[in-house]
Amino acid sequence: MTTNLNTLVTALDVKIDDDLASTARLPGRPPKLSHSYLLCLTVMQAILGFHCEAH
């Protein structure tokens, strides 16, 4: 189960990163987390059924 979940997260991160590669970065301080990583976390949170940040 863990291997399948790790593979899913990795594939999702790569797909999102490839799709967002052409977006321009905003001026200012560089972010600590990339937009693609945050989007991947959000999608995985929804897939795993954690619809509330308290979980």
N, C-alpha and C. Protein backbone atom coordinates (compact mmCIF):
# COMPACT_ATOMS: atom_id res chain seq x y z
N MET A 1 0.83 -1.20 0.00
CA MET A 1 0.00 0.00 0.00
C MET A 1 0.87 1.26 0.00
N THR A 2 1.91 1.27 0.82
CA THR A 2 2.75 2.46 0.91
C THR A 2 3.47 2.74 -0.40
N THR A 3 3.94 1.69 -1.06
CA THR A 3 4.64 1.88 -2.33
C THR A 3 3.72 2.48 -3.36
N ASN A 4 2.49 2.03 -3.42
CA ASN A 4 1.54 2.57 -4.39
C ASN A 4 1.23 4.03 -4.09
N LEU A 5 1.10 4.39 -2.83
CA LEU A 5 0.83 5.77 -2.44
C LEU A 5 2.02 6.66 -2.76
N ASN A 6 3.23 6.17 -2.49
CA ASN A 6 4.44 6.93 -2.81
C ASN A 6 4.56 7.16 -4.31
N THR A 7 4.25 6.14 -5.09
CA THR A 7 4.29 6.26 -6.54
C THR A 7 3.26 7.26 -7.04
N LEU A 8 2.07 7.22 -6.47
CA LEU A 8 1.02 8.17 -6.85
C LEU A 8 1.43 9.60 -6.54
N VAL A 9 1.99 9.83 -5.36
CA VAL A 9 2.41 11.18 -4.98
C VAL A 9 3.52 11.68 -5.88
N THR A 10 4.47 10.82 -6.18
CA THR A 10 5.58 11.20 -7.06
C THR A 10 5.09 11.53 -8.46
N ALA A 11 4.23 10.68 -9.02
CA ALA A 11 3.70 10.91 -10.36
C ALA A 11 2.86 12.19 -10.40
N LEU A 12 2.07 12.41 -9.36
CA LEU A 12 1.24 13.62 -9.31
C LEU A 12 2.11 14.86 -9.22
N ASP A 13 3.16 14.82 -8.42
CA ASP A 13 4.06 15.96 -8.28
C ASP A 13 4.76 16.27 -9.60
N VAL A 14 5.22 15.25 -10.29
CA VAL A 14 5.88 15.44 -11.58
C VAL A 14 4.91 16.01 -12.61
N LYS A 15 3.69 15.48 -12.66
CA LYS A 15 2.68 15.96 -13.62
C LYS A 15 2.34 17.42 -13.37
N ILE A 16 2.10 17.77 -12.12
CA ILE A 16 1.75 19.16 -11.79
C ILE A 16 2.94 20.07 -12.07
N ASP A 17 4.14 19.63 -11.72
CA ASP A 17 5.33 20.44 -11.96
C ASP A 17 5.54 20.68 -13.45
N ASP A 18 5.31 19.67 -14.27
CA ASP A 18 5.45 19.83 -15.71
C ASP A 18 4.39 20.79 -16.27
N ASP A 19 3.17 20.70 -15.76
CA ASP A 19 2.10 21.57 -16.25
C ASP A 19 2.31 23.03 -15.83
N LEU A 20 2.92 23.26 -14.68
CA LEU A 20 3.12 24.61 -14.19
C LEU A 20 4.49 25.18 -14.56
N ALA A 21 5.26 24.46 -15.34
CA ALA A 21 6.61 24.90 -15.68
C ALA A 21 6.61 26.19 -16.49
N SER A 22 5.58 26.44 -17.25
CA SER A 22 5.56 27.63 -18.11
C SER A 22 5.03 28.87 -17.41
N THR A 23 4.59 28.77 -16.16
CA THR A 23 4.07 29.94 -15.45
C THR A 23 5.22 30.79 -14.96
N ALA A 24 5.04 32.08 -15.03
CA ALA A 24 6.08 33.02 -14.62
C ALA A 24 6.10 33.15 -13.10
N ARG A 25 7.28 33.31 -12.56
CA ARG A 25 7.43 33.50 -11.13
C ARG A 25 7.21 34.96 -10.79
N LEU A 26 6.52 35.22 -9.70
CA LEU A 26 6.24 36.58 -9.28
C LEU A 26 7.49 37.20 -8.67
N PRO A 27 7.61 38.53 -8.77
CA PRO A 27 8.78 39.18 -8.17
C PRO A 27 8.72 39.12 -6.65
N GLY A 28 9.86 39.26 -6.04
CA GLY A 28 9.92 39.26 -4.58
C GLY A 28 10.76 38.13 -4.05
N ARG A 29 10.60 37.88 -2.77
CA ARG A 29 11.38 36.84 -2.10
C ARG A 29 11.00 35.46 -2.65
N PRO A 30 11.97 34.60 -2.88
CA PRO A 30 11.64 33.27 -3.39
C PRO A 30 10.82 32.48 -2.36
N PRO A 31 9.85 31.72 -2.83
CA PRO A 31 8.99 30.97 -1.90
C PRO A 31 9.74 29.80 -1.27
N LYS A 32 9.29 29.40 -0.08
CA LYS A 32 9.89 28.24 0.58
C LYS A 32 9.37 26.95 -0.03
N LEU A 33 8.13 26.96 -0.51
CA LEU A 33 7.53 25.82 -1.19
C LEU A 33 7.07 26.26 -2.57
N SER A 34 7.25 25.39 -3.55
CA SER A 34 6.82 25.74 -4.90
C SER A 34 5.31 25.61 -5.03
N HIS A 35 4.77 26.28 -6.04
CA HIS A 35 3.33 26.20 -6.29
C HIS A 35 2.92 24.77 -6.61
N SER A 36 3.75 24.06 -7.36
CA SER A 36 3.40 22.69 -7.73
C SER A 36 3.38 21.78 -6.50
N TYR A 37 4.29 21.99 -5.56
CA TYR A 37 4.31 21.17 -4.35
C TYR A 37 3.07 21.43 -3.49
N LEU A 38 2.70 22.70 -3.34
CA LEU A 38 1.50 23.02 -2.57
C LEU A 38 0.24 22.46 -3.21
N LEU A 39 0.17 22.53 -4.53
CA LEU A 39 -0.98 21.97 -5.24
C LEU A 39 -1.03 20.46 -5.09
N CYS A 40 0.12 19.81 -5.14
CA CYS A 40 0.19 18.36 -4.95
C CYS A 40 -0.29 17.98 -3.54
N LEU A 41 0.14 18.72 -2.54
CA LEU A 41 -0.32 18.46 -1.17
C LEU A 41 -1.83 18.62 -1.04
N THR A 42 -2.38 19.64 -1.68
CA THR A 42 -3.81 19.88 -1.63
C THR A 42 -4.59 18.75 -2.29
N VAL A 43 -4.14 18.30 -3.45
CA VAL A 43 -4.81 17.21 -4.15
C VAL A 43 -4.73 15.92 -3.35
N MET A 44 -3.57 15.61 -2.78
CA MET A 44 -3.43 14.39 -1.99
C MET A 44 -4.28 14.45 -0.73
N GLN A 45 -4.41 15.64 -0.14
CA GLN A 45 -5.26 15.81 1.03
C GLN A 45 -6.71 15.47 0.68
N ALA A 46 -7.17 15.91 -0.48
CA ALA A 46 -8.53 15.61 -0.91
C ALA A 46 -8.70 14.14 -1.26
N ILE A 47 -7.71 13.54 -1.92
CA ILE A 47 -7.79 12.13 -2.29
C ILE A 47 -7.86 11.24 -1.05
N LEU A 48 -7.08 11.59 -0.03
CA LEU A 48 -7.03 10.77 1.19
C LEU A 48 -8.21 11.04 2.13
N GLY A 49 -9.04 12.01 1.79
CA GLY A 49 -10.25 12.26 2.57
C GLY A 49 -10.10 13.22 3.72
N PHE A 50 -8.98 13.94 3.77
CA PHE A 50 -8.80 14.95 4.81
C PHE A 50 -9.30 16.30 4.28
N HIS A 51 -10.58 16.58 4.51
CA HIS A 51 -11.18 17.79 3.96
C HIS A 51 -11.09 18.95 4.95
N CYS A 52 -10.48 18.72 6.10
CA CYS A 52 -10.36 19.75 7.13
C CYS A 52 -8.90 19.77 7.57
N GLU A 53 -8.35 20.94 7.79
CA GLU A 53 -6.95 21.03 8.19
C GLU A 53 -6.72 20.50 9.60
N ALA A 54 -7.77 20.35 10.39
CA ALA A 54 -7.62 19.84 11.75
C ALA A 54 -7.22 18.38 11.77
N HIS A 55 -7.44 17.66 10.68
CA HIS A 55 -7.05 16.24 10.62
C HIS A 55 -5.57 16.16 10.41
